[in-house]
Amino acid sequence: MIYRDFGTTGWRISAVGLGTWNIGKQWGAVDDATAWSTIRSGFDHGINLFDTAESYGIPNGLSEERLGIGLAGIRHQVYIVTKIGNWGKRTGQGVPLTTVDMIRLCMHASLHRLRTDWVDTVLCHDGTIEYPTIFLEAFDELKSEGRLRTFGISTDSLSVLKKFNVHNTCSVVQVNYSLLNRAPEAQLLPYCEEHGIAVMIRGPLGMGLLSGRYSKETVFSDDIRAAWHGSESGQRQLEEKLIVVDKLKNHLDRGESLVTAALRYVISHQTNPVAIPGAKSSDQVIMNARAGDRVFSDDEYNNVLRLLN
């Protein structure tokens, strides 16, 4: 596993982390034992950053609970990132985060579920927020109390990121970036590089499409990807993505997996990001971790670009 500087935090983070949305039963059934073994297998294969959120799981918070148990005994050897801002929204019962105290309440609830006194990073989970003042004030207070070490935001919008970084206190951004979505390369990633903001890559496998296991005949029925089939535009978007996936599969070097290529592409970006693919089994997390053994050579990187352009 490659370890790299995480923005200006001074931390050395594995190039591939583990996103734990998948172990919360929103991506199909996963029992407790499988969730815990997935977490520990990731750690055993070099992963030292684990991403979660208060809203991940059915019920809300299940991913945090499972992560807290899975990291028992190794808390001081890993970095935990969680997110605040979406509790209850899935069921139409969102918590109104209109005061510093409400955000503090959510943070303390996350700490309880994670079985820890602090988290390394907490992110605002409202990627379209117009007025982040309440979050910034709350995060500042929680940081001064030792409940979090750094903070940032999960967003795909450069304008939102700039608002959140108005005082140059945003240490981390989480952004959707993959071979199927290269939009951040244009402006958002260069901004992060210029301002020393650590980058976490969510969705590096394109919601699983870059596993290469799906075709246009696939019907997603038991997880959040079922939304693709809910409209003509959604189905068309899915089919367009699968065309790109097939093109990539057909031009891979012999013996190279699409998962490995997809992860190495994003971690090879000059901002030195950390990819946080999800996994629902030990086998999946081990495959993901092995992709972090190296980055692409210049020739490999340019070959992929030629396929995409």
C-alpha atoms as a PDB file:
ATOM      1  CA  MET A   1       0.000   0.000   0.000  1.00  0.00           C
ATOM      2  CA  ILE A   2       1.177   3.502  -0.870  1.00  0.00           C
ATOM      3  CA  TYR A   3       0.912   6.047   1.939  1.00  0.00           C
ATOM      4  CA  ARG A   4       0.763   9.743   1.149  1.00  0.00           C
ATOM      5  CA  ASP A   5       0.438  13.145   2.778  1.00  0.00           C
ATOM      6  CA  PHE A   6      -3.171  14.092   3.477  1.00  0.00           C
ATOM      7  CA  GLY A   7      -3.287  17.756   2.508  1.00  0.00           C
ATOM      8  CA  THR A   8      -1.641  19.825   5.228  1.00  0.00           C
ATOM      9  CA  THR A   9      -2.789  17.628   8.138  1.00  0.00           C
ATOM     10  CA  GLY A  10       0.586  15.956   8.603  1.00  0.00           C
ATOM     11  CA  TRP A  11      -1.048  12.514   8.397  1.00  0.00           C
ATOM     12  CA  ARG A  12       0.169   9.658   6.208  1.00  0.00           C
ATOM     13  CA  ILE A  13      -2.887   8.026   4.697  1.00  0.00           C
ATOM     14  CA  SER A  14      -3.313   4.900   2.582  1.00  0.00           C
ATOM     15  CA  ALA A  15      -3.973   5.714  -1.080  1.00  0.00           C
ATOM     16  CA  VAL A  16      -7.044   3.485  -0.869  1.00  0.00           C
ATOM     17  CA  GLY A  17      -9.383   3.715   2.108  1.00  0.00           C
ATOM     18  CA  LEU A  18     -12.689   2.019   2.856  1.00  0.00           C
ATOM     19  CA  GLY A  19     -16.072   3.635   2.373  1.00  0.00           C
ATOM     20  CA  THR A  20     -18.599   2.019   4.701  1.00  0.00           C
ATOM     21  CA  TRP A  21     -21.893   3.080   3.131  1.00  0.00           C
ATOM     22  CA  ASN A  22     -22.119  -0.403   1.618  1.00  0.00           C
ATOM     23  CA  ILE A  23     -22.064  -2.221   4.953  1.00  0.00           C
ATOM     24  CA  GLY A  24     -25.183  -0.417   6.188  1.00  0.00           C
ATOM     25  CA  LYS A  25     -27.683  -2.515   4.188  1.00  0.00           C
ATOM     26  CA  GLN A  26     -28.558   0.237   1.699  1.00  0.00           C
ATOM     27  CA  TRP A  27     -26.664  -1.692  -0.983  1.00  0.00           C
ATOM     28  CA  GLY A  28     -28.202  -5.060  -0.215  1.00  0.00           C
ATOM     29  CA  ALA A  29     -28.068  -7.316   2.815  1.00  0.00           C
ATOM     30  CA  VAL A  30     -24.869  -7.444   4.879  1.00  0.00           C
ATOM     31  CA  ASP A  31     -24.854  -9.063   8.314  1.00  0.00           C
ATOM     32  CA  ASP A  32     -22.841  -7.871  11.307  1.00  0.00           C
ATOM     33  CA  ALA A  33     -20.130 -10.512  11.041  1.00  0.00           C
ATOM     34  CA  THR A  34     -19.524  -9.797   7.351  1.00  0.00           C
ATOM     35  CA  ALA A  35     -19.369  -6.060   7.997  1.00  0.00           C
ATOM     36  CA  TRP A  36     -16.828  -6.495  10.801  1.00  0.00           C
ATOM     37  CA  SER A  37     -14.649  -8.916   8.820  1.00  0.00           C
ATOM     38  CA  THR A  38     -14.671  -6.524   5.843  1.00  0.00           C
ATOM     39  CA  ILE A  39     -13.411  -3.704   8.063  1.00  0.00           C
ATOM     40  CA  ARG A  40     -10.662  -5.798   9.652  1.00  0.00           C
ATOM     41  CA  SER A  41      -9.571  -7.266   6.321  1.00  0.00           C
ATOM     42  CA  GLY A  42      -9.155  -3.743   4.998  1.00  0.00           C
ATOM     43  CA  PHE A  43      -6.974  -2.822   7.963  1.00  0.00           C
ATOM     44  CA  ASP A  44      -4.954  -6.037   7.645  1.00  0.00           C
ATOM     45  CA  HIS A  45      -4.193  -5.138   4.009  1.00  0.00           C
ATOM     46  CA  GLY A  46      -2.927  -1.631   4.682  1.00  0.00           C
ATOM     47  CA  ILE A  47      -6.041   0.544   4.794  1.00  0.00           C
ATOM     48  CA  ASN A  48      -5.853   3.146   7.546  1.00  0.00           C
ATOM     49  CA  LEU A  49      -8.678   5.539   6.589  1.00  0.00           C
ATOM     50  CA  PHE A  50     -12.332   4.614   7.074  1.00  0.00           C
ATOM     51  CA  ASP A  51     -15.193   6.798   5.835  1.00  0.00           C
ATOM     52  CA  THR A  52     -18.750   6.783   7.150  1.00  0.00           C
ATOM     53  CA  ALA A  53     -21.684   9.121   7.883  1.00  0.00           C
ATOM     54  CA  GLU A  54     -24.455   9.525  10.416  1.00  0.00           C
ATOM     55  CA  SER A  55     -27.049   8.793   7.722  1.00  0.00           C
ATOM     56  CA  TYR A  56     -25.433   5.658   6.290  1.00  0.00           C
ATOM     57  CA  GLY A  57     -27.434   2.565   6.986  1.00  0.00           C
ATOM     58  CA  ILE A  58     -30.887   1.171   7.567  1.00  0.00           C
ATOM     59  CA  PRO A  59     -31.606   2.329  10.202  1.00  0.00           C
ATOM     60  CA  ASN A  60     -29.664   5.603  10.126  1.00  0.00           C
ATOM     61  CA  GLY A  61     -26.286   5.262  11.803  1.00  0.00           C
ATOM     62  CA  LEU A  62     -25.868   1.507  11.284  1.00  0.00           C
ATOM     63  CA  SER A  63     -22.629   1.963   9.326  1.00  0.00           C
ATOM     64  CA  GLU A  64     -21.151   4.066  12.133  1.00  0.00           C
ATOM     65  CA  GLU A  65     -22.165   1.460  14.714  1.00  0.00           C
ATOM     66  CA  ARG A  66     -20.607  -1.375  12.740  1.00  0.00           C
ATOM     67  CA  LEU A  67     -17.457   0.617  12.067  1.00  0.00           C
ATOM     68  CA  GLY A  68     -17.048   1.438  15.744  1.00  0.00           C
ATOM     69  CA  ILE A  69     -17.202  -2.240  16.659  1.00  0.00           C
ATOM     70  CA  GLY A  70     -15.022  -3.290  13.725  1.00  0.00           C
ATOM     71  CA  LEU A  71     -12.226  -0.928  14.771  1.00  0.00           C
ATOM     72  CA  ALA A  72     -12.222  -2.018  18.412  1.00  0.00           C
ATOM     73  CA  GLY A  73      -8.658  -2.266  19.682  1.00  0.00           C
ATOM     74  CA  ILE A  74      -7.068  -0.445  16.731  1.00  0.00           C
ATOM     75  CA  ARG A  75      -8.667   3.012  17.021  1.00  0.00           C
ATOM     76  CA  HIS A  76      -5.300   4.736  17.521  1.00  0.00           C
ATOM     77  CA  GLN A  77      -3.893   3.141  14.355  1.00  0.00           C
ATOM     78  CA  VAL A  78      -6.549   4.437  11.972  1.00  0.00           C
ATOM     79  CA  TYR A  79      -8.248   7.619  10.785  1.00  0.00           C
ATOM     80  CA  ILE A  80     -12.038   7.945  10.913  1.00  0.00           C
ATOM     81  CA  VAL A  81     -13.978  10.360   8.710  1.00  0.00           C
ATOM     82  CA  THR A  82     -17.688  10.864   9.299  1.00  0.00           C
ATOM     83  CA  LYS A  83     -20.275  13.263   7.929  1.00  0.00           C
ATOM     84  CA  ILE A  84     -23.114  15.301   9.420  1.00  0.00           C
ATOM     85  CA  GLY A  85     -26.070  16.798   7.589  1.00  0.00           C
ATOM     86  CA  ASN A  86     -28.369  14.061   6.259  1.00  0.00           C
ATOM     87  CA  TRP A  87     -29.776  12.337   9.343  1.00  0.00           C
ATOM     88  CA  GLY A  88     -33.382  11.260   8.695  1.00  0.00           C
ATOM     89  CA  LYS A  89     -33.657  12.829   5.245  1.00  0.00           C
ATOM     90  CA  ARG A  90     -34.149   9.464   3.540  1.00  0.00           C
ATOM     91  CA  THR A  91     -37.388   8.926   5.478  1.00  0.00           C
ATOM     92  CA  GLY A  92     -38.527  12.543   5.291  1.00  0.00           C
ATOM     93  CA  GLN A  93     -37.666  13.221   8.923  1.00  0.00           C
ATOM     94  CA  GLY A  94     -34.507  15.273   8.552  1.00  0.00           C
ATOM     95  CA  VAL A  95     -33.006  16.962  11.597  1.00  0.00           C
ATOM     96  CA  PRO A  96     -33.144  20.779  11.181  1.00  0.00           C
ATOM     97  CA  LEU A  97     -29.494  21.788  11.462  1.00  0.00           C
ATOM     98  CA  THR A  98     -30.236  25.442  12.074  1.00  0.00           C
ATOM     99  CA  THR A  99     -28.197  25.973  15.237  1.00  0.00           C
ATOM    100  CA  VAL A 100     -24.724  25.170  16.491  1.00  0.00           C
ATOM    101  CA  ASP A 101     -26.260  23.061  19.264  1.00  0.00           C
ATOM    102  CA  MET A 102     -28.094  20.816  16.785  1.00  0.00           C
ATOM    103  CA  ILE A 103     -24.866  20.099  14.916  1.00  0.00           C
ATOM    104  CA  ARG A 104     -23.080  19.450  18.203  1.00  0.00           C
ATOM    105  CA  LEU A 105     -25.852  17.021  19.170  1.00  0.00           C
ATOM    106  CA  CYS A 106     -25.412  15.119  15.907  1.00  0.00           C
ATOM    107  CA  MET A 107     -21.645  15.020  16.407  1.00  0.00           C
ATOM    108  CA  HIS A 108     -21.924  13.589  19.911  1.00  0.00           C
ATOM    109  CA  ALA A 109     -24.403  10.973  18.667  1.00  0.00           C
ATOM    110  CA  SER A 110     -21.904   9.943  15.974  1.00  0.00           C
ATOM    111  CA  LEU A 111     -19.126   9.654  18.549  1.00  0.00           C
ATOM    112  CA  HIS A 112     -21.359   7.390  20.644  1.00  0.00           C
ATOM    113  CA  ARG A 113     -22.122   5.112  17.689  1.00  0.00           C
ATOM    114  CA  LEU A 114     -18.461   5.029  16.664  1.00  0.00           C
ATOM    115  CA  ARG A 115     -17.375   4.212  20.238  1.00  0.00           C
ATOM    116  CA  THR A 116     -14.715   6.905  20.225  1.00  0.00           C
ATOM    117  CA  ASP A 117     -14.084  10.223  21.960  1.00  0.00           C
ATOM    118  CA  TRP A 118     -13.017  11.965  18.768  1.00  0.00           C
ATOM    119  CA  VAL A 119     -13.004  11.663  14.991  1.00  0.00           C
ATOM    120  CA  ASP A 120     -10.126  12.684  12.781  1.00  0.00           C
ATOM    121  CA  THR A 121     -12.296  14.482  10.234  1.00  0.00           C
ATOM    122  CA  VAL A 122     -15.945  15.481  10.103  1.00  0.00           C
ATOM    123  CA  LEU A 123     -17.489  16.690   6.862  1.00  0.00           C
ATOM    124  CA  CYS A 124     -20.573  18.754   6.184  1.00  0.00           C
ATOM    125  CA  HIS A 125     -22.839  16.353   4.285  1.00  0.00           C
ATOM    126  CA  ASP A 126     -24.833  19.087   2.550  1.00  0.00           C
ATOM    127  CA  GLY A 127     -23.054  19.470  -0.765  1.00  0.00           C
ATOM    128  CA  THR A 128     -25.276  22.298  -2.000  1.00  0.00           C
ATOM    129  CA  ILE A 129     -25.288  24.418   1.165  1.00  0.00           C
ATOM    130  CA  GLU A 130     -25.550  28.168   0.503  1.00  0.00           C
ATOM    131  CA  TYR A 131     -24.787  29.518   3.966  1.00  0.00           C
ATOM    132  CA  PRO A 132     -22.338  27.275   5.856  1.00  0.00           C
ATOM    133  CA  THR A 133     -21.804  29.644   8.804  1.00  0.00           C
ATOM    134  CA  ILE A 134     -23.579  27.418  11.350  1.00  0.00           C
ATOM    135  CA  PHE A 135     -21.523  24.385  10.339  1.00  0.00           C
ATOM    136  CA  LEU A 136     -18.273  26.339  10.463  1.00  0.00           C
ATOM    137  CA  GLU A 137     -19.049  27.707  13.920  1.00  0.00           C
ATOM    138  CA  ALA A 138     -20.063  24.297  15.245  1.00  0.00           C
ATOM    139  CA  PHE A 139     -17.029  22.545  13.782  1.00  0.00           C
ATOM    140  CA  ASP A 140     -14.732  25.208  15.233  1.00  0.00           C
ATOM    141  CA  GLU A 141     -16.218  24.665  18.694  1.00  0.00           C
ATOM    142  CA  LEU A 142     -16.025  20.880  18.435  1.00  0.00           C
ATOM    143  CA  LYS A 143     -12.425  21.121  17.282  1.00  0.00           C
ATOM    144  CA  SER A 144     -11.492  23.313  20.240  1.00  0.00           C
ATOM    145  CA  GLU A 145     -13.058  20.700  22.525  1.00  0.00           C
ATOM    146  CA  GLY A 146     -11.013  17.891  20.980  1.00  0.00           C
ATOM    147  CA  ARG A 147     -14.010  16.104  19.454  1.00  0.00           C
ATOM    148  CA  LEU A 148     -12.617  16.443  15.933  1.00  0.00           C
ATOM    149  CA  ARG A 149      -9.173  17.146  14.540  1.00  0.00           C
ATOM    150  CA  THR A 150     -10.020  18.587  11.111  1.00  0.00           C
ATOM    151  CA  PHE A 151     -13.152  19.393   9.143  1.00  0.00           C
ATOM    152  CA  GLY A 152     -14.340  19.908   5.602  1.00  0.00           C
ATOM    153  CA  ILE A 153     -17.208  19.238   3.225  1.00  0.00           C
ATOM    154  CA  SER A 154     -18.505  16.617   0.818  1.00  0.00           C
ATOM    155  CA  THR A 155     -19.447  18.446  -2.379  1.00  0.00           C
ATOM    156  CA  ASP A 156     -19.048  18.367  -6.142  1.00  0.00           C
ATOM    157  CA  SER A 157     -19.458  22.142  -6.442  1.00  0.00           C
ATOM    158  CA  LEU A 158     -16.445  24.433  -6.549  1.00  0.00           C
ATOM    159  CA  SER A 159     -18.561  27.437  -5.550  1.00  0.00           C
ATOM    160  CA  VAL A 160     -19.819  25.596  -2.452  1.00  0.00           C
ATOM    161  CA  LEU A 161     -16.283  24.538  -1.571  1.00  0.00           C
ATOM    162  CA  LYS A 162     -15.078  28.136  -1.840  1.00  0.00           C
ATOM    163  CA  LYS A 163     -17.826  29.303   0.532  1.00  0.00           C
ATOM    164  CA  PHE A 164     -16.899  26.593   3.016  1.00  0.00           C
ATOM    165  CA  ASN A 165     -13.234  27.563   2.747  1.00  0.00           C
ATOM    166  CA  VAL A 166     -13.884  31.291   3.145  1.00  0.00           C
ATOM    167  CA  HIS A 167     -11.589  31.443   6.199  1.00  0.00           C
ATOM    168  CA  ASN A 168      -9.084  28.916   4.775  1.00  0.00           C
ATOM    169  CA  THR A 169     -10.086  26.421   7.473  1.00  0.00           C
ATOM    170  CA  CYS A 170     -11.412  23.653   5.204  1.00  0.00           C
ATOM    171  CA  SER A 171      -8.878  20.824   5.478  1.00  0.00           C
ATOM    172  CA  VAL A 172     -10.643  18.069   3.511  1.00  0.00           C
ATOM    173  CA  VAL A 173     -13.063  17.776   0.611  1.00  0.00           C
ATOM    174  CA  GLN A 174     -14.825  14.651  -0.566  1.00  0.00           C
ATOM    175  CA  VAL A 175     -15.806  14.617  -4.226  1.00  0.00           C
ATOM    176  CA  ASN A 176     -17.374  12.216  -6.717  1.00  0.00           C
ATOM    177  CA  TYR A 177     -14.635  11.359  -9.229  1.00  0.00           C
ATOM    178  CA  SER A 178     -14.091   8.336 -11.448  1.00  0.00           C
ATOM    179  CA  LEU A 179     -13.427   7.170 -14.973  1.00  0.00           C
ATOM    180  CA  LEU A 180     -17.147   7.787 -15.513  1.00  0.00           C
ATOM    181  CA  ASN A 181     -17.084  11.293 -14.037  1.00  0.00           C
ATOM    182  CA  ARG A 182     -13.954  13.332 -14.713  1.00  0.00           C
ATOM    183  CA  ALA A 183     -15.573  16.751 -14.177  1.00  0.00           C
ATOM    184  CA  PRO A 184     -13.526  17.544 -11.013  1.00  0.00           C
ATOM    185  CA  GLU A 185     -10.327  17.521 -13.070  1.00  0.00           C
ATOM    186  CA  ALA A 186     -11.241  20.845 -14.669  1.00  0.00           C
ATOM    187  CA  GLN A 187     -11.464  23.173 -11.657  1.00  0.00           C
ATOM    188  CA  LEU A 188     -12.215  21.564  -8.305  1.00  0.00           C
ATOM    189  CA  LEU A 189      -9.096  19.403  -8.015  1.00  0.00           C
ATOM    190  CA  PRO A 190      -6.746  22.223  -9.104  1.00  0.00           C
ATOM    191  CA  TYR A 191      -8.346  24.473  -6.454  1.00  0.00           C
ATOM    192  CA  CYS A 192      -7.675  21.834  -3.793  1.00  0.00           C
ATOM    193  CA  GLU A 193      -4.071  21.504  -4.892  1.00  0.00           C
ATOM    194  CA  GLU A 194      -3.586  25.280  -4.778  1.00  0.00           C
ATOM    195  CA  HIS A 195      -5.072  25.560  -1.267  1.00  0.00           C
ATOM    196  CA  GLY A 196      -3.558  22.440   0.288  1.00  0.00           C
ATOM    197  CA  ILE A 197      -6.943  20.754   0.784  1.00  0.00           C
ATOM    198  CA  ALA A 198      -6.839  16.979   1.173  1.00  0.00           C
ATOM    199  CA  VAL A 199      -9.000  15.136  -1.372  1.00  0.00           C
ATOM    200  CA  MET A 200     -11.113  12.055  -0.750  1.00  0.00           C
ATOM    201  CA  ILE A 201     -12.616  10.344  -3.785  1.00  0.00           C
ATOM    202  CA  ARG A 202     -16.083   8.886  -3.332  1.00  0.00           C
ATOM    203  CA  GLY A 203     -17.653   6.804  -6.070  1.00  0.00           C
ATOM    204  CA  PRO A 204     -14.303   5.821  -7.652  1.00  0.00           C
ATOM    205  CA  LEU A 205     -15.967   2.676  -9.020  1.00  0.00           C
ATOM    206  CA  GLY A 206     -18.973   4.523 -10.435  1.00  0.00           C
ATOM    207  CA  MET A 207     -21.466   2.980  -7.982  1.00  0.00           C
ATOM    208  CA  GLY A 208     -20.060  -0.425  -8.810  1.00  0.00           C
ATOM    209  CA  LEU A 209     -20.367  -0.145 -12.591  1.00  0.00           C
ATOM    210  CA  LEU A 210     -16.578  -0.117 -12.931  1.00  0.00           C
ATOM    211  CA  SER A 211     -16.457  -3.588 -11.436  1.00  0.00           C
ATOM    212  CA  GLY A 212     -17.335  -4.703 -14.968  1.00  0.00           C
ATOM    213  CA  ARG A 213     -19.976  -7.123 -13.689  1.00  0.00           C
ATOM    214  CA  TYR A 214     -23.056  -5.399 -15.095  1.00  0.00           C
ATOM    215  CA  SER A 215     -24.698  -4.994 -18.512  1.00  0.00           C
ATOM    216  CA  LYS A 216     -27.650  -3.041 -19.889  1.00  0.00           C
ATOM    217  CA  GLU A 217     -29.819  -6.060 -19.067  1.00  0.00           C
ATOM    218  CA  THR A 218     -28.970  -5.777 -15.368  1.00  0.00           C
ATOM    219  CA  VAL A 219     -31.854  -4.775 -13.114  1.00  0.00           C
ATOM    220  CA  PHE A 220     -30.935  -3.298  -9.737  1.00  0.00           C
ATOM    221  CA  SER A 221     -33.809  -4.129  -7.432  1.00  0.00           C
ATOM    222  CA  ASP A 222     -32.527  -4.350  -3.859  1.00  0.00           C
ATOM    223  CA  ASP A 223     -30.345  -1.269  -3.385  1.00  0.00           C
ATOM    224  CA  ILE A 224     -30.198   2.458  -4.074  1.00  0.00           C
ATOM    225  CA  ARG A 225     -29.151   1.904  -7.706  1.00  0.00           C
ATOM    226  CA  ALA A 226     -32.735   0.874  -8.479  1.00  0.00           C
ATOM    227  CA  ALA A 227     -33.352   4.611  -8.988  1.00  0.00           C
ATOM    228  CA  TRP A 228     -31.679   4.322 -12.399  1.00  0.00           C
ATOM    229  CA  HIS A 229     -34.676   2.318 -13.604  1.00  0.00           C
ATOM    230  CA  GLY A 230     -37.209   4.851 -12.353  1.00  0.00           C
ATOM    231  CA  SER A 231     -37.185   7.035 -15.463  1.00  0.00           C
ATOM    232  CA  GLU A 232     -36.192   6.982 -19.116  1.00  0.00           C
ATOM    233  CA  SER A 233     -33.419   9.489 -18.464  1.00  0.00           C
ATOM    234  CA  GLY A 234     -32.055   7.384 -15.607  1.00  0.00           C
ATOM    235  CA  GLN A 235     -32.041   4.229 -17.707  1.00  0.00           C
ATOM    236  CA  ARG A 236     -30.397   6.116 -20.577  1.00  0.00           C
ATOM    237  CA  GLN A 237     -27.724   7.461 -18.221  1.00  0.00           C
ATOM    238  CA  LEU A 238     -27.024   3.931 -16.989  1.00  0.00           C
ATOM    239  CA  GLU A 239     -26.683   2.591 -20.527  1.00  0.00           C
ATOM    240  CA  GLU A 240     -24.338   5.431 -21.526  1.00  0.00           C
ATOM    241  CA  LYS A 241     -22.088   4.659 -18.569  1.00  0.00           C
ATOM    242  CA  LEU A 242     -22.042   0.966 -19.455  1.00  0.00           C
ATOM    243  CA  ILE A 243     -20.881   1.786 -22.994  1.00  0.00           C
ATOM    244  CA  VAL A 244     -17.818   3.485 -21.491  1.00  0.00           C
ATOM    245  CA  VAL A 245     -17.291   0.531 -19.150  1.00  0.00           C
ATOM    246  CA  ASP A 246     -17.331  -1.921 -22.068  1.00  0.00           C
ATOM    247  CA  LYS A 247     -14.856   0.224 -23.986  1.00  0.00           C
ATOM    248  CA  LEU A 248     -12.473   0.210 -21.037  1.00  0.00           C
ATOM    249  CA  LYS A 249     -12.837  -3.543 -20.485  1.00  0.00           C
ATOM    250  CA  ASN A 250     -12.014  -4.294 -24.101  1.00  0.00           C
ATOM    251  CA  HIS A 251      -8.757  -2.331 -23.977  1.00  0.00           C
ATOM    252  CA  LEU A 252      -7.350  -3.437 -20.634  1.00  0.00           C
ATOM    253  CA  ASP A 253      -3.935  -5.014 -20.522  1.00  0.00           C
ATOM    254  CA  ARG A 254      -4.129  -8.768 -20.220  1.00  0.00           C
ATOM    255  CA  GLY A 255      -4.601  -9.827 -16.620  1.00  0.00           C
ATOM    256  CA  GLU A 256      -5.523  -6.350 -15.360  1.00  0.00           C
ATOM    257  CA  SER A 257      -8.882  -5.964 -13.629  1.00  0.00           C
ATOM    258  CA  LEU A 258     -11.171  -3.045 -14.331  1.00  0.00           C
ATOM    259  CA  VAL A 259     -11.476  -2.379 -10.591  1.00  0.00           C
ATOM    260  CA  THR A 260      -7.715  -2.021 -10.294  1.00  0.00           C
ATOM    261  CA  ALA A 261      -7.505   0.248 -13.338  1.00  0.00           C
ATOM    262  CA  ALA A 262     -10.364   2.446 -12.113  1.00  0.00           C
ATOM    263  CA  LEU A 263      -8.860   2.920  -8.662  1.00  0.00           C
ATOM    264  CA  ARG A 264      -5.335   3.497  -9.949  1.00  0.00           C
ATOM    265  CA  TYR A 265      -6.600   6.130 -12.356  1.00  0.00           C
ATOM    266  CA  VAL A 266      -8.038   8.327  -9.607  1.00  0.00           C
ATOM    267  CA  ILE A 267      -5.207   7.838  -7.091  1.00  0.00           C
ATOM    268  CA  SER A 268      -2.727   8.750  -9.837  1.00  0.00           C
ATOM    269  CA  HIS A 269      -4.036  12.311 -10.023  1.00  0.00           C
ATOM    270  CA  GLN A 270      -1.408  14.871  -9.029  1.00  0.00           C
ATOM    271  CA  THR A 271      -3.419  15.988  -5.978  1.00  0.00           C
ATOM    272  CA  ASN A 272      -2.552  12.622  -4.350  1.00  0.00           C
ATOM    273  CA  PRO A 273      -6.149  11.844  -3.395  1.00  0.00           C
ATOM    274  CA  VAL A 274      -7.400   8.971  -1.270  1.00  0.00           C
ATOM    275  CA  ALA A 275      -9.990   6.756  -2.947  1.00  0.00           C
ATOM    276  CA  ILE A 276     -12.684   5.344  -0.670  1.00  0.00           C
ATOM    277  CA  PRO A 277     -14.437   2.551  -2.589  1.00  0.00           C
ATOM    278  CA  GLY A 278     -17.072   0.599  -0.755  1.00  0.00           C
ATOM    279  CA  ALA A 279     -16.977  -3.135  -0.150  1.00  0.00           C
ATOM    280  CA  LYS A 280     -19.413  -5.750   1.122  1.00  0.00           C
ATOM    281  CA  SER A 281     -16.961  -8.591   1.717  1.00  0.00           C
ATOM    282  CA  SER A 282     -13.365  -9.308   2.648  1.00  0.00           C
ATOM    283  CA  ASP A 283     -12.597 -10.366  -0.927  1.00  0.00           C
ATOM    284  CA  GLN A 284     -13.812  -7.032  -2.291  1.00  0.00           C
ATOM    285  CA  VAL A 285     -11.896  -4.886   0.176  1.00  0.00           C
ATOM    286  CA  ILE A 286      -8.706  -6.897  -0.375  1.00  0.00           C
ATOM    287  CA  MET A 287      -8.978  -6.393  -4.144  1.00  0.00           C
ATOM    288  CA  ASN A 288      -9.491  -2.670  -3.617  1.00  0.00           C
ATOM    289  CA  ALA A 289      -6.553  -2.416  -1.227  1.00  0.00           C
ATOM    290  CA  ARG A 290      -4.192  -4.125  -3.668  1.00  0.00           C
ATOM    291  CA  ALA A 291      -4.923  -1.421  -6.236  1.00  0.00           C
ATOM    292  CA  GLY A 292      -3.187   0.966  -3.845  1.00  0.00           C
ATOM    293  CA  ASP A 293       0.149  -0.806  -4.199  1.00  0.00           C
ATOM    294  CA  ARG A 294       1.193   1.634  -6.927  1.00  0.00           C
ATOM    295  CA  VAL A 295      -0.015   4.421  -9.198  1.00  0.00           C
ATOM    296  CA  PHE A 296      -0.099   4.436 -12.988  1.00  0.00           C
ATOM    297  CA  SER A 297       3.023   5.181 -14.957  1.00  0.00           C
ATOM    298  CA  ASP A 298       2.750   8.176 -17.278  1.00  0.00           C
ATOM    299  CA  ASP A 299       2.245   5.821 -20.237  1.00  0.00           C
ATOM    300  CA  GLU A 300      -0.518   3.892 -18.469  1.00  0.00           C
ATOM    301  CA  TYR A 301      -2.274   7.089 -17.434  1.00  0.00           C
ATOM    302  CA  ASN A 302      -2.104   8.553 -20.930  1.00  0.00           C
ATOM    303  CA  ASN A 303      -3.342   5.312 -22.505  1.00  0.00           C
ATOM    304  CA  VAL A 304      -6.487   5.485 -20.386  1.00  0.00           C
ATOM    305  CA  LEU A 305      -6.981   9.147 -21.284  1.00  0.00           C
ATOM    306  CA  ARG A 306      -6.806   8.281 -24.976  1.00  0.00           C
ATOM    307  CA  LEU A 307      -9.595   5.755 -24.519  1.00  0.00           C
ATOM    308  CA  LEU A 308     -11.801   8.281 -22.757  1.00  0.00           C
ATOM    309  CA  ASN A 309     -11.227  11.256 -25.052  1.00  0.00           C
END
